[in-house]
Structures are given as C-alpha cells and as structure tokens.
Amino acid sequence: MNIQPTASFEPISGKNIEVFAIIDGKKIYLPEDARYVMQDSRGIWFFCNRKPRISEDDWTVNKTSIACKTTRGVVRALRTEARSPWLDSCQRTIRVVSKGTGRAAKEDEIIRASTRDRRRLVN
C-alpha cells in the first residue's frame, strides 16, 4: 500500500493561495480545502475542512492525516510529541492570497503584500 503525500514542507508553486499551519515550529503547506489542523492522542496530525468535533475519544472521522515526504523520499504521517493535551491542539490554518490575482480575499484569508508595499510600510 502506498501512502500519497497530503502536505509538504515547500510551497506549491503556481497557486494563487497558500494554505499552511505552523506545527512544531515548521511551516507545513496543506491543500486549499484544509481549514483546521489537529493532533490526536497518539501525536499524529490531521486536517479537515470543517470544524472538528470529538467522537469516541478522538476527533471526528472526517479528517485526513498530514503525510509529508521526508528527506529520504519516504512518505510518513506527521507525528510530534504532544506539548499540551490533544483536545487543545485544534487550530485554524493560515490562508494567504497572492496580491494581484484579481480576486477578493474571503473572510479567513490574508492578502500578501507585494515587496514594494512592504518597503513602503517599513519606511
């Protein structure tokens, strides 16, 4: 059985939107439909597109494991040591839209400023 990667440590080029979460100090790029990330009691990370609920001492079944390709080319589920109880691990993903895409950002998205705009803000 082959596991396909569902996330990556590098941004997906050619996309107008970046969806990511910071997990254990690392930026993890996720599919566009990922709105929440959460860790289960075993330390494995998941994402889903609707706010998860608790069912039978775990998050609901409508979740997908975050699987990334390692530096050795092997796809593994993302697992970290729990720093807090797994019930407190649910968080929203960060959604950034590239400026100049011609579309307005939705409610939960941030518009990425261009380099020129950032220089103007700093000075």
PDB file of N, CA and C in Angstrom:
ATOM      1  N   MET A   1       0.834  -1.172   0.000  1.00  0.00           N
ATOM      2  CA  MET A   1       0.000   0.000   0.000  1.00  0.00           C
ATOM      3  C   MET A   1       0.884   1.242   0.000  1.00  0.00           C
ATOM      4  N   ASN A   2       0.645   2.148  -0.914  1.00  0.00           N
ATOM      5  CA  ASN A   2       1.410   3.393  -0.998  1.00  0.00           C
ATOM      6  C   ASN A   2       0.621   4.531  -0.380  1.00  0.00           C
ATOM      7  N   ILE A   3       1.289   5.311   0.435  1.00  0.00           N
ATOM      8  CA  ILE A   3       0.681   6.497   1.024  1.00  0.00           C
ATOM      9  C   ILE A   3       1.082   7.689   0.165  1.00  0.00           C
ATOM     10  N   GLN A   4       0.107   8.471  -0.257  1.00  0.00           N
ATOM     11  CA  GLN A   4       0.372   9.670  -1.049  1.00  0.00           C
ATOM     12  C   GLN A   4       0.556  10.860  -0.112  1.00  0.00           C
ATOM     13  N   PRO A   5       1.491  11.755  -0.427  1.00  0.00           N
ATOM     14  CA  PRO A   5       1.652  12.940   0.427  1.00  0.00           C
ATOM     15  C   PRO A   5       0.426  13.849   0.342  1.00  0.00           C
ATOM     16  N   THR A   6      -0.017  14.329   1.482  1.00  0.00           N
ATOM     17  CA  THR A   6      -1.147  15.261   1.531  1.00  0.00           C
ATOM     18  C   THR A   6      -0.692  16.666   1.890  1.00  0.00           C
ATOM     19  N   ALA A   7       0.584  16.824   2.202  1.00  0.00           N
ATOM     20  CA  ALA A   7       1.141  18.120   2.589  1.00  0.00           C
ATOM     21  C   ALA A   7       2.617  18.127   2.210  1.00  0.00           C
ATOM     22  N   SER A   8       3.254  19.299   2.354  1.00  0.00           N
ATOM     23  CA  SER A   8       4.682  19.378   2.042  1.00  0.00           C
ATOM     24  C   SER A   8       5.343  20.448   2.903  1.00  0.00           C
ATOM     25  N   PHE A   9       6.664  20.391   2.943  1.00  0.00           N
ATOM     26  CA  PHE A   9       7.432  21.404   3.661  1.00  0.00           C
ATOM     27  C   PHE A   9       7.782  22.581   2.751  1.00  0.00           C
ATOM     28  N   GLU A  10       7.525  22.456   1.454  1.00  0.00           N
ATOM     29  CA  GLU A  10       7.814  23.502   0.467  1.00  0.00           C
ATOM     30  C   GLU A  10       6.501  24.001  -0.121  1.00  0.00           C
ATOM     31  N   PRO A  11       6.425  25.302  -0.462  1.00  0.00           N
ATOM     32  CA  PRO A  11       5.187  25.824  -1.060  1.00  0.00           C
ATOM     33  C   PRO A  11       4.925  25.207  -2.430  1.00  0.00           C
ATOM     34  N   ILE A  12       3.650  25.092  -2.757  1.00  0.00           N
ATOM     35  CA  ILE A  12       3.250  24.575  -4.063  1.00  0.00           C
ATOM     36  C   ILE A  12       3.254  25.745  -5.033  1.00  0.00           C
ATOM     37  N   SER A  13       4.112  25.682  -6.055  1.00  0.00           N
ATOM     38  CA  SER A  13       4.237  26.798  -6.987  1.00  0.00           C
ATOM     39  C   SER A  13       3.045  26.841  -7.935  1.00  0.00           C
ATOM     40  N   GLY A  14       2.737  28.035  -8.398  1.00  0.00           N
ATOM     41  CA  GLY A  14       1.663  28.214  -9.350  1.00  0.00           C
ATOM     42  C   GLY A  14       0.290  28.351  -8.725  1.00  0.00           C
ATOM     43  N   LYS A  15       0.199  28.366  -7.421  1.00  0.00           N
ATOM     44  CA  LYS A  15      -1.091  28.509  -6.740  1.00  0.00           C
ATOM     45  C   LYS A  15      -1.292  29.965  -6.355  1.00  0.00           C
ATOM     46  N   ASN A  16      -2.530  30.442  -6.416  1.00  0.00           N
ATOM     47  CA  ASN A  16      -2.849  31.808  -6.005  1.00  0.00           C
ATOM     48  C   ASN A  16      -3.026  31.934  -4.498  1.00  0.00           C
ATOM     49  N   ILE A  17      -3.132  30.799  -3.825  1.00  0.00           N
ATOM     50  CA  ILE A  17      -3.357  30.819  -2.381  1.00  0.00           C
ATOM     51  C   ILE A  17      -2.411  29.826  -1.702  1.00  0.00           C
ATOM     52  N   GLU A  18      -1.858  30.253  -0.583  1.00  0.00           N
ATOM     53  CA  GLU A  18      -1.030  29.373   0.250  1.00  0.00           C
ATOM     54  C   GLU A  18      -1.840  29.040   1.485  1.00  0.00           C
ATOM     55  N   VAL A  19      -1.965  27.769   1.777  1.00  0.00           N
ATOM     56  CA  VAL A  19      -2.632  27.318   2.998  1.00  0.00           C
ATOM     57  C   VAL A  19      -1.587  26.562   3.798  1.00  0.00           C
ATOM     58  N   PHE A  20      -1.362  27.005   5.027  1.00  0.00           N
ATOM     59  CA  PHE A  20      -0.346  26.345   5.833  1.00  0.00           C
ATOM     60  C   PHE A  20      -0.679  26.430   7.309  1.00  0.00           C
ATOM     61  N   ALA A  21       0.030  25.641   8.087  1.00  0.00           N
ATOM     62  CA  ALA A  21      -0.058  25.661   9.541  1.00  0.00           C
ATOM     63  C   ALA A  21       1.358  25.563  10.082  1.00  0.00           C
ATOM     64  N   ILE A  22       1.590  26.142  11.225  1.00  0.00           N
ATOM     65  CA  ILE A  22       2.879  26.034  11.899  1.00  0.00           C
ATOM     66  C   ILE A  22       2.739  24.912  12.928  1.00  0.00           C
ATOM     67  N   ILE A  23       3.457  23.822  12.682  1.00  0.00           N
ATOM     68  CA  ILE A  23       3.406  22.669  13.571  1.00  0.00           C
ATOM     69  C   ILE A  23       4.811  22.369  14.053  1.00  0.00           C
ATOM     70  N   ASP A  24       4.987  22.417  15.346  1.00  0.00           N
ATOM     71  CA  ASP A  24       6.288  22.151  15.966  1.00  0.00           C
ATOM     72  C   ASP A  24       7.376  23.061  15.392  1.00  0.00           C
ATOM     73  N   GLY A  25       7.014  24.314  15.125  1.00  0.00           N
ATOM     74  CA  GLY A  25       7.967  25.301  14.624  1.00  0.00           C
ATOM     75  C   GLY A  25       8.260  25.210  13.137  1.00  0.00           C
ATOM     76  N   LYS A  26       7.570  24.340  12.406  1.00  0.00           N
ATOM     77  CA  LYS A  26       7.797  24.189  10.969  1.00  0.00           C
ATOM     78  C   LYS A  26       6.543  24.579  10.207  1.00  0.00           C
ATOM     79  N   LYS A  27       6.747  25.200   9.060  1.00  0.00           N
ATOM     80  CA  LYS A  27       5.639  25.595   8.205  1.00  0.00           C
ATOM     81  C   LYS A  27       5.264  24.401   7.332  1.00  0.00           C
ATOM     82  N   ILE A  28       4.027  23.939   7.459  1.00  0.00           N
ATOM     83  CA  ILE A  28       3.534  22.789   6.701  1.00  0.00           C
ATOM     84  C   ILE A  28       2.488  23.298   5.717  1.00  0.00           C
ATOM     85  N   TYR A  29       2.739  23.127   4.414  1.00  0.00           N
ATOM     86  CA  TYR A  29       1.808  23.563   3.377  1.00  0.00           C
ATOM     87  C   TYR A  29       0.765  22.479   3.143  1.00  0.00           C
ATOM     88  N   LEU A  30      -0.493  22.889   3.127  1.00  0.00           N
ATOM     89  CA  LEU A  30      -1.624  21.969   3.061  1.00  0.00           C
ATOM     90  C   LEU A  30      -2.463  22.224   1.810  1.00  0.00           C
ATOM     91  N   PRO A  31      -3.385  21.327   1.478  1.00  0.00           N
ATOM     92  CA  PRO A  31      -4.290  21.561   0.353  1.00  0.00           C
ATOM     93  C   PRO A  31      -5.207  22.760   0.621  1.00  0.00           C
ATOM     94  N   GLU A  32      -5.765  23.338  -0.443  1.00  0.00           N
ATOM     95  CA  GLU A  32      -6.604  24.532  -0.316  1.00  0.00           C
ATOM     96  C   GLU A  32      -7.831  24.319   0.553  1.00  0.00           C
ATOM     97  N   ASP A  33      -8.360  23.115   0.605  1.00  0.00           N
ATOM     98  CA  ASP A  33      -9.581  22.892   1.376  1.00  0.00           C
ATOM     99  C   ASP A  33      -9.324  22.673   2.867  1.00  0.00           C
ATOM    100  N   ALA A  34      -8.088  22.657   3.304  1.00  0.00           N
ATOM    101  CA  ALA A  34      -7.768  22.460   4.727  1.00  0.00           C
ATOM    102  C   ALA A  34      -8.060  23.741   5.504  1.00  0.00           C
ATOM    103  N   ARG A  35      -8.951  23.658   6.457  1.00  0.00           N
ATOM    104  CA  ARG A  35      -9.295  24.826   7.275  1.00  0.00           C
ATOM    105  C   ARG A  35      -8.882  24.665   8.737  1.00  0.00           C
ATOM    106  N   TYR A  36      -8.737  23.431   9.200  1.00  0.00           N
ATOM    107  CA  TYR A  36      -8.351  23.164  10.583  1.00  0.00           C
ATOM    108  C   TYR A  36      -7.290  22.084  10.612  1.00  0.00           C
ATOM    109  N   VAL A  37      -6.373  22.176  11.568  1.00  0.00           N
ATOM    110  CA  VAL A  37      -5.419  21.103  11.841  1.00  0.00           C
ATOM    111  C   VAL A  37      -5.551  20.741  13.309  1.00  0.00           C
ATOM    112  N   MET A  38      -5.289  19.462  13.599  1.00  0.00           N
ATOM    113  CA  MET A  38      -5.392  19.000  14.971  1.00  0.00           C
ATOM    114  C   MET A  38      -4.541  17.758  15.163  1.00  0.00           C
ATOM    115  N   GLN A  39      -4.149  17.516  16.399  1.00  0.00           N
ATOM    116  CA  GLN A  39      -3.325  16.366  16.752  1.00  0.00           C
ATOM    117  C   GLN A  39      -4.183  15.380  17.537  1.00  0.00           C
ATOM    118  N   ASP A  40      -4.001  14.099  17.275  1.00  0.00           N
ATOM    119  CA  ASP A  40      -4.766  13.129  18.060  1.00  0.00           C
ATOM    120  C   ASP A  40      -3.960  12.690  19.281  1.00  0.00           C
ATOM    121  N   SER A  41      -4.516  11.799  20.061  1.00  0.00           N
ATOM    122  CA  SER A  41      -3.877  11.388  21.313  1.00  0.00           C
ATOM    123  C   SER A  41      -2.569  10.627  21.082  1.00  0.00           C
ATOM    124  N   ARG A  42      -2.334  10.094  19.871  1.00  0.00           N
ATOM    125  CA  ARG A  42      -1.086   9.388  19.554  1.00  0.00           C
ATOM    126  C   ARG A  42       0.010  10.331  19.066  1.00  0.00           C
ATOM    127  N   GLY A  43      -0.341  11.609  18.815  1.00  0.00           N
ATOM    128  CA  GLY A  43       0.637  12.575  18.330  1.00  0.00           C
ATOM    129  C   GLY A  43       0.610  12.775  16.827  1.00  0.00           C
ATOM    130  N   ILE A  44      -0.304  12.115  16.112  1.00  0.00           N
ATOM    131  CA  ILE A  44      -0.401  12.236  14.656  1.00  0.00           C
ATOM    132  C   ILE A  44      -1.277  13.436  14.316  1.00  0.00           C
ATOM    133  N   TRP A  45      -0.863  14.215  13.290  1.00  0.00           N
ATOM    134  CA  TRP A  45      -1.565  15.424  12.883  1.00  0.00           C
ATOM    135  C   TRP A  45      -2.508  15.144  11.726  1.00  0.00           C
ATOM    136  N   PHE A  46      -3.643  15.841  11.722  1.00  0.00           N
ATOM    137  CA  PHE A  46      -4.678  15.707  10.710  1.00  0.00           C
ATOM    138  C   PHE A  46      -5.156  17.080  10.274  1.00  0.00           C
ATOM    139  N   PHE A  47      -5.818  17.138   9.111  1.00  0.00           N
ATOM    140  CA  PHE A  47      -6.501  18.360   8.700  1.00  0.00           C
ATOM    141  C   PHE A  47      -7.910  18.000   8.251  1.00  0.00           C
ATOM    142  N   CYS A  48      -8.796  18.993   8.263  1.00  0.00           N
ATOM    143  CA  CYS A  48     -10.160  18.804   7.762  1.00  0.00           C
ATOM    144  C   CYS A  48     -10.700  20.151   7.300  1.00  0.00           C
ATOM    145  N   ASN A  49     -11.809  20.115   6.584  1.00  0.00           N
ATOM    146  CA  ASN A  49     -12.351  21.354   6.029  1.00  0.00           C
ATOM    147  C   ASN A  49     -13.485  21.941   6.867  1.00  0.00           C
ATOM    148  N   ARG A  50     -13.983  21.208   7.863  1.00  0.00           N
ATOM    149  CA  ARG A  50     -14.998  21.729   8.779  1.00  0.00           C
ATOM    150  C   ARG A  50     -14.490  21.621  10.207  1.00  0.00           C
ATOM    151  N   LYS A  51     -15.001  22.479  11.065  1.00  0.00           N
ATOM    152  CA  LYS A  51     -14.554  22.454  12.464  1.00  0.00           C
ATOM    153  C   LYS A  51     -14.817  21.068  13.057  1.00  0.00           C
ATOM    154  N   PRO A  52     -13.758  20.424  13.562  1.00  0.00           N
ATOM    155  CA  PRO A  52     -13.920  19.050  14.063  1.00  0.00           C
ATOM    156  C   PRO A  52     -14.617  19.006  15.420  1.00  0.00           C
ATOM    157  N   ARG A  53     -15.294  17.913  15.638  1.00  0.00           N
ATOM    158  CA  ARG A  53     -15.927  17.635  16.926  1.00  0.00           C
ATOM    159  C   ARG A  53     -15.255  16.403  17.521  1.00  0.00           C
ATOM    160  N   ILE A  54     -15.565  16.132  18.762  1.00  0.00           N
ATOM    161  CA  ILE A  54     -14.994  14.965  19.424  1.00  0.00           C
ATOM    162  C   ILE A  54     -16.006  13.825  19.344  1.00  0.00           C
ATOM    163  N   SER A  55     -15.516  12.666  18.944  1.00  0.00           N
ATOM    164  CA  SER A  55     -16.361  11.491  18.826  1.00  0.00           C
ATOM    165  C   SER A  55     -15.577  10.270  19.304  1.00  0.00           C
ATOM    166  N   GLU A  56     -16.076   9.594  20.300  1.00  0.00           N
ATOM    167  CA  GLU A  56     -15.446   8.381  20.839  1.00  0.00           C
ATOM    168  C   GLU A  56     -13.976   8.594  21.193  1.00  0.00           C
ATOM    169  N   ASP A  57     -13.698   9.609  21.977  1.00  0.00           N
ATOM    170  CA  ASP A  57     -12.351   9.945  22.452  1.00  0.00           C
ATOM    171  C   ASP A  57     -11.345  10.207  21.338  1.00  0.00           C
ATOM    172  N   ASP A  58     -11.811  10.761  20.235  1.00  0.00           N
ATOM    173  CA  ASP A  58     -10.936  11.166  19.129  1.00  0.00           C
ATOM    174  C   ASP A  58     -11.688  12.243  18.342  1.00  0.00           C
ATOM    175  N   TRP A  59     -11.010  12.871  17.400  1.00  0.00           N
ATOM    176  CA  TRP A  59     -11.663  13.826  16.521  1.00  0.00           C
ATOM    177  C   TRP A  59     -12.563  13.064  15.559  1.00  0.00           C
ATOM    178  N   THR A  60     -13.552  13.737  15.013  1.00  0.00           N
ATOM    179  CA  THR A  60     -14.488  13.094  14.097  1.00  0.00           C
ATOM    180  C   THR A  60     -13.768  12.419  12.937  1.00  0.00           C
ATOM    181  N   VAL A  61     -14.468  11.547  12.264  1.00  0.00           N
ATOM    182  CA  VAL A  61     -13.846  10.741  11.209  1.00  0.00           C
ATOM    183  C   VAL A  61     -13.588  11.515   9.920  1.00  0.00           C
ATOM    184  N   ASN A  62     -14.159  12.697   9.761  1.00  0.00           N
ATOM    185  CA  ASN A  62     -13.962  13.451   8.519  1.00  0.00           C
ATOM    186  C   ASN A  62     -12.655  14.243   8.539  1.00  0.00           C
ATOM    187  N   LYS A  63     -11.562  13.538   8.741  1.00  0.00           N
ATOM    188  CA  LYS A  63     -10.244  14.168   8.795  1.00  0.00           C
ATOM    189  C   LYS A  63      -9.288  13.374   7.913  1.00  0.00           C
ATOM    190  N   THR A  64      -8.219  14.043   7.481  1.00  0.00           N
ATOM    191  CA  THR A  64      -7.201  13.421   6.633  1.00  0.00           C
ATOM    192  C   THR A  64      -5.859  13.573   7.320  1.00  0.00           C
ATOM    193  N   SER A  65      -5.076  12.523   7.366  1.00  0.00           N
ATOM    194  CA  SER A  65      -3.772  12.618   8.023  1.00  0.00           C
ATOM    195  C   SER A  65      -2.838  13.485   7.191  1.00  0.00           C
ATOM    196  N   ILE A  66      -1.987  14.230   7.869  1.00  0.00           N
ATOM    197  CA  ILE A  66      -0.974  15.051   7.202  1.00  0.00           C
ATOM    198  C   ILE A  66       0.219  14.149   6.955  1.00  0.00           C
ATOM    199  N   ALA A  67       0.444  13.830   5.704  1.00  0.00           N
ATOM    200  CA  ALA A  67       1.547  12.948   5.323  1.00  0.00           C
ATOM    201  C   ALA A  67       2.500  13.739   4.436  1.00  0.00           C
ATOM    202  N   CYS A  68       3.782  13.771   4.798  1.00  0.00           N
ATOM    203  CA  CYS A  68       4.800  14.527   4.068  1.00  0.00           C
ATOM    204  C   CYS A  68       5.915  13.603   3.605  1.00  0.00           C
ATOM    205  N   LYS A  69       6.570  14.006   2.535  1.00  0.00           N
ATOM    206  CA  LYS A  69       7.723  13.257   2.038  1.00  0.00           C
ATOM    207  C   LYS A  69       8.945  13.677   2.843  1.00  0.00           C
ATOM    208  N   THR A  70       9.668  12.711   3.388  1.00  0.00           N
ATOM    209  CA  THR A  70      10.860  13.002   4.184  1.00  0.00           C
ATOM    210  C   THR A  70      12.041  13.308   3.266  1.00  0.00           C
ATOM    211  N   THR A  71      13.161  13.704   3.858  1.00  0.00           N
ATOM    212  CA  THR A  71      14.356  13.997   3.068  1.00  0.00           C
ATOM    213  C   THR A  71      14.888  12.768   2.353  1.00  0.00           C
ATOM    214  N   ARG A  72      14.533  11.578   2.850  1.00  0.00           N
ATOM    215  CA  ARG A  72      14.962  10.331   2.201  1.00  0.00           C
ATOM    216  C   ARG A  72      13.976   9.861   1.142  1.00  0.00           C
ATOM    217  N   GLY A  73      12.894  10.653   0.901  1.00  0.00           N
ATOM    218  CA  GLY A  73      11.936  10.315  -0.133  1.00  0.00           C
ATOM    219  C   GLY A  73      10.821   9.391   0.297  1.00  0.00           C
ATOM    220  N   VAL A  74      10.689   9.152   1.583  1.00  0.00           N
ATOM    221  CA  VAL A  74       9.649   8.270   2.103  1.00  0.00           C
ATOM    222  C   VAL A  74       8.486   9.123   2.606  1.00  0.00           C
ATOM    223  N   VAL A  75       7.259   8.725   2.335  1.00  0.00           N
ATOM    224  CA  VAL A  75       6.079   9.456   2.802  1.00  0.00           C
ATOM    225  C   VAL A  75       5.668   8.905   4.162  1.00  0.00           C
ATOM    226  N   ARG A  76       5.586   9.788   5.143  1.00  0.00           N
ATOM    227  CA  ARG A  76       5.225   9.402   6.505  1.00  0.00           C
ATOM    228  C   ARG A  76       4.180  10.372   7.053  1.00  0.00           C
ATOM    229  N   ALA A  77       3.326   9.859   7.937  1.00  0.00           N
ATOM    230  CA  ALA A  77       2.376  10.711   8.641  1.00  0.00           C
ATOM    231  C   ALA A  77       3.155  11.628   9.586  1.00  0.00           C
ATOM    232  N   LEU A  78       2.732  12.875   9.682  1.00  0.00           N
ATOM    233  CA  LEU A  78       3.405  13.843  10.548  1.00  0.00           C
ATOM    234  C   LEU A  78       3.026  13.548  11.996  1.00  0.00           C
ATOM    235  N   ARG A  79       4.048  13.295  12.800  1.00  0.00           N
ATOM    236  CA  ARG A  79       3.836  12.972  14.210  1.00  0.00           C
ATOM    237  C   ARG A  79       4.813  13.774  15.047  1.00  0.00           C
ATOM    238  N   THR A  80       4.311  14.397  16.099  1.00  0.00           N
ATOM    239  CA  THR A  80       5.159  15.148  17.023  1.00  0.00           C
ATOM    240  C   THR A  80       4.764  14.781  18.449  1.00  0.00           C
ATOM    241  N   GLU A  81       5.649  15.088  19.353  1.00  0.00           N
ATOM    242  CA  GLU A  81       5.334  14.890  20.766  1.00  0.00           C
ATOM    243  C   GLU A  81       4.287  15.923  21.166  1.00  0.00           C
ATOM    244  N   ALA A  82       3.337  15.502  21.965  1.00  0.00           N
ATOM    245  CA  ALA A  82       2.280  16.409  22.418  1.00  0.00           C
ATOM    246  C   ALA A  82       2.843  17.357  23.480  1.00  0.00           C
ATOM    247  N   ARG A  83       2.701  18.652  23.250  1.00  0.00           N
ATOM    248  CA  ARG A  83       3.148  19.659  24.219  1.00  0.00           C
ATOM    249  C   ARG A  83       2.003  20.080  25.140  1.00  0.00           C
ATOM    250  N   SER A  84       0.787  19.768  24.719  1.00  0.00           N
ATOM    251  CA  SER A  84      -0.402  20.054  25.517  1.00  0.00           C
ATOM    252  C   SER A  84      -1.416  18.938  25.249  1.00  0.00           C
ATOM    253  N   PRO A  85      -2.485  18.867  26.001  1.00  0.00           N
ATOM    254  CA  PRO A  85      -3.486  17.826  25.739  1.00  0.00           C
ATOM    255  C   PRO A  85      -4.005  17.899  24.304  1.00  0.00           C
ATOM    256  N   TRP A  86      -4.260  16.746  23.688  1.00  0.00           N
ATOM    257  CA  TRP A  86      -4.665  16.713  22.289  1.00  0.00           C
ATOM    258  C   TRP A  86      -5.955  17.479  22.043  1.00  0.00           C
ATOM    259  N   LEU A  87      -6.799  17.614  23.043  1.00  0.00           N
ATOM    260  CA  LEU A  87      -8.040  18.371  22.882  1.00  0.00           C
ATOM    261  C   LEU A  87      -7.786  19.858  22.639  1.00  0.00           C
ATOM    262  N   ASP A  88      -6.619  20.359  23.057  1.00  0.00           N
ATOM    263  CA  ASP A  88      -6.279  21.766  22.875  1.00  0.00           C
ATOM    264  C   ASP A  88      -5.505  22.024  21.585  1.00  0.00           C
ATOM    265  N   SER A  89      -5.293  20.998  20.759  1.00  0.00           N
ATOM    266  CA  SER A  89      -4.435  21.142  19.586  1.00  0.00           C
ATOM    267  C   SER A  89      -5.127  21.694  18.341  1.00  0.00           C
ATOM    268  N   CYS A  90      -6.451  21.758  18.333  1.00  0.00           N
ATOM    269  CA  CYS A  90      -7.170  22.213  17.132  1.00  0.00           C
ATOM    270  C   CYS A  90      -6.875  23.686  16.870  1.00  0.00           C
ATOM    271  N   GLN A  91      -6.499  24.001  15.622  1.00  0.00           N
ATOM    272  CA  GLN A  91      -6.215  25.384  15.240  1.00  0.00           C
ATOM    273  C   GLN A  91      -6.610  25.618  13.794  1.00  0.00           C
ATOM    274  N   ARG A  92      -6.891  26.880  13.455  1.00  0.00           N
ATOM    275  CA  ARG A  92      -7.226  27.254  12.084  1.00  0.00           C
ATOM    276  C   ARG A  92      -5.957  27.287  11.251  1.00  0.00           C
ATOM    277  N   THR A  93      -6.092  26.997   9.979  1.00  0.00           N
ATOM    278  CA  THR A  93      -4.957  27.136   9.069  1.00  0.00           C
ATOM    279  C   THR A  93      -4.800  28.604   8.697  1.00  0.00           C
ATOM    280  N   ILE A  94      -3.633  28.953   8.192  1.00  0.00           N
ATOM    281  CA  ILE A  94      -3.365  30.311   7.725  1.00  0.00           C
ATOM    282  C   ILE A  94      -3.528  30.284   6.218  1.00  0.00           C
ATOM    283  N   ARG A  95      -4.313  31.215   5.690  1.00  0.00           N
ATOM    284  CA  ARG A  95      -4.634  31.236   4.272  1.00  0.00           C
ATOM    285  C   ARG A  95      -4.206  32.581   3.710  1.00  0.00           C
ATOM    286  N   VAL A  96      -3.248  32.563   2.775  1.00  0.00           N
ATOM    287  CA  VAL A  96      -2.688  33.792   2.223  1.00  0.00           C
ATOM    288  C   VAL A  96      -2.921  33.804   0.718  1.00  0.00           C
ATOM    289  N   VAL A  97      -3.518  34.901   0.227  1.00  0.00           N
ATOM    290  CA  VAL A  97      -3.800  35.071  -1.196  1.00  0.00           C
ATOM    291  C   VAL A  97      -2.731  35.973  -1.787  1.00  0.00           C
ATOM    292  N   SER A  98      -2.201  35.619  -2.947  1.00  0.00           N
ATOM    293  CA  SER A  98      -1.215  36.457  -3.631  1.00  0.00           C
ATOM    294  C   SER A  98      -1.892  37.721  -4.131  1.00  0.00           C
ATOM    295  N   LYS A  99      -1.235  38.854  -3.940  1.00  0.00           N
ATOM    296  CA  LYS A  99      -1.785  40.127  -4.408  1.00  0.00           C
ATOM    297  C   LYS A  99      -1.729  40.157  -5.925  1.00  0.00           C
ATOM    298  N   GLY A 100      -2.740  40.712  -6.527  1.00  0.00           N
ATOM    299  CA  GLY A 100      -2.759  40.820  -7.978  1.00  0.00           C
ATOM    300  C   GLY A 100      -3.385  39.614  -8.661  1.00  0.00           C
ATOM    301  N   THR A 101      -4.050  38.768  -7.903  1.00  0.00           N
ATOM    302  CA  THR A 101      -4.696  37.604  -8.510  1.00  0.00           C
ATOM    303  C   THR A 101      -6.042  37.973  -9.115  1.00  0.00           C
ATOM    304  N   GLY A 102      -6.539  39.157  -8.801  1.00  0.00           N
ATOM    305  CA  GLY A 102      -7.800  39.591  -9.360  1.00  0.00           C
ATOM    306  C   GLY A 102      -9.017  39.133  -8.585  1.00  0.00           C
ATOM    307  N   ARG A 103      -8.805  38.515  -7.446  1.00  0.00           N
ATOM    308  CA  ARG A 103      -9.958  38.105  -6.651  1.00  0.00           C
ATOM    309  C   ARG A 103      -9.851  38.677  -5.251  1.00  0.00           C
ATOM    310  N   ALA A 104     -10.993  38.945  -4.667  1.00  0.00           N
ATOM    311  CA  ALA A 104     -11.026  39.479  -3.308  1.00  0.00           C
ATOM    312  C   ALA A 104     -10.793  38.345  -2.315  1.00  0.00           C
ATOM    313  N   ALA A 105     -10.109  38.665  -1.253  1.00  0.00           N
ATOM    314  CA  ALA A 105      -9.861  37.659  -0.220  1.00  0.00           C
ATOM    315  C   ALA A 105     -11.161  37.339   0.504  1.00  0.00           C
ATOM    316  N   LYS A 106     -11.338  36.080   0.846  1.00  0.00           N
ATOM    317  CA  LYS A 106     -12.508  35.675   1.621  1.00  0.00           C
ATOM    318  C   LYS A 106     -12.277  36.041   3.075  1.00  0.00           C
ATOM    319  N   GLU A 107     -13.271  35.774   3.897  1.00  0.00           N
ATOM    320  CA  GLU A 107     -13.249  36.187   5.300  1.00  0.00           C
ATOM    321  C   GLU A 107     -12.029  35.679   6.065  1.00  0.00           C
ATOM    322  N   ASP A 108     -11.594  34.462   5.805  1.00  0.00           N
ATOM    323  CA  ASP A 108     -10.498  33.883   6.589  1.00  0.00           C
ATOM    324  C   ASP A 108      -9.164  33.904   5.858  1.00  0.00           C
ATOM    325  N   GLU A 109      -9.017  34.766   4.861  1.00  0.00           N
ATOM    326  CA  GLU A 109      -7.782  34.820   4.083  1.00  0.00           C
ATOM    327  C   GLU A 109      -7.093  36.166   4.255  1.00  0.00           C
ATOM    328  N   ILE A 110      -5.784  36.151   4.120  1.00  0.00           N
ATOM    329  CA  ILE A 110      -4.946  37.348   4.220  1.00  0.00           C
ATOM    330  C   ILE A 110      -4.405  37.646   2.828  1.00  0.00           C
ATOM    331  N   ILE A 111      -4.305  38.911   2.456  1.00  0.00           N
ATOM    332  CA  ILE A 111      -3.709  39.266   1.162  1.00  0.00           C
ATOM    333  C   ILE A 111      -2.233  39.532   1.379  1.00  0.00           C
ATOM    334  N   ARG A 112      -1.392  38.848   0.600  1.00  0.00           N
ATOM    335  CA  ARG A 112       0.052  39.020   0.699  1.00  0.00           C
ATOM    336  C   ARG A 112       0.440  40.345   0.047  1.00  0.00           C
ATOM    337  N   ALA A 113       1.143  41.188   0.790  1.00  0.00           N
ATOM    338  CA  ALA A 113       1.605  42.468   0.260  1.00  0.00           C
ATOM    339  C   ALA A 113       2.771  42.227  -0.693  1.00  0.00           C
ATOM    340  N   SER A 114       2.859  43.053  -1.722  1.00  0.00           N
ATOM    341  CA  SER A 114       3.987  42.942  -2.639  1.00  0.00           C
ATOM    342  C   SER A 114       5.245  43.490  -1.969  1.00  0.00           C
ATOM    343  N   THR A 115       6.392  43.246  -2.551  1.00  0.00           N
ATOM    344  CA  THR A 115       7.659  43.723  -1.995  1.00  0.00           C
ATOM    345  C   THR A 115       7.662  45.245  -1.898  1.00  0.00           C
ATOM    346  N   ARG A 116       7.126  45.919  -2.917  1.00  0.00           N
ATOM    347  CA  ARG A 116       7.076  47.384  -2.908  1.00  0.00           C
ATOM    348  C   ARG A 116       6.198  47.875  -1.765  1.00  0.00           C
ATOM    349  N   ASP A 117       5.050  47.224  -1.538  1.00  0.00           N
ATOM    350  CA  ASP A 117       4.173  47.612  -0.430  1.00  0.00           C
ATOM    351  C   ASP A 117       4.846  47.404   0.917  1.00  0.00           C
ATOM    352  N   ARG A 118       5.607  46.331   1.065  1.00  0.00           N
ATOM    353  CA  ARG A 118       6.297  46.083   2.335  1.00  0.00           C
ATOM    354  C   ARG A 118       7.350  47.126   2.606  1.00  0.00           C
ATOM    355  N   ARG A 119       8.093  47.539   1.565  1.00  0.00           N
ATOM    356  CA  ARG A 119       9.105  48.589   1.754  1.00  0.00           C
ATOM    357  C   ARG A 119       8.459  49.887   2.191  1.00  0.00           C
ATOM    358  N   ARG A 120       7.319  50.209   1.605  1.00  0.00           N
ATOM    359  CA  ARG A 120       6.619  51.451   1.950  1.00  0.00           C
ATOM    360  C   ARG A 120       6.135  51.401   3.402  1.00  0.00           C
ATOM    361  N   LEU A 121       5.688  50.241   3.879  1.00  0.00           N
ATOM    362  CA  LEU A 121       5.229  50.117   5.250  1.00  0.00           C
ATOM    363  C   LEU A 121       6.363  50.252   6.253  1.00  0.00           C
ATOM    364  N   VAL A 122       7.563  49.751   5.889  1.00  0.00           N
ATOM    365  CA  VAL A 122       8.715  49.791   6.779  1.00  0.00           C
ATOM    366  C   VAL A 122       9.278  51.212   6.873  1.00  0.00           C
ATOM    367  N   ASN A 123       9.301  51.930   5.779  1.00  0.00           N
ATOM    368  CA  ASN A 123       9.906  53.278   5.757  1.00  0.00           C
ATOM    369  C   ASN A 123       8.983  54.343   6.210  1.00  0.00           C
TER     370      ASN A 123
END
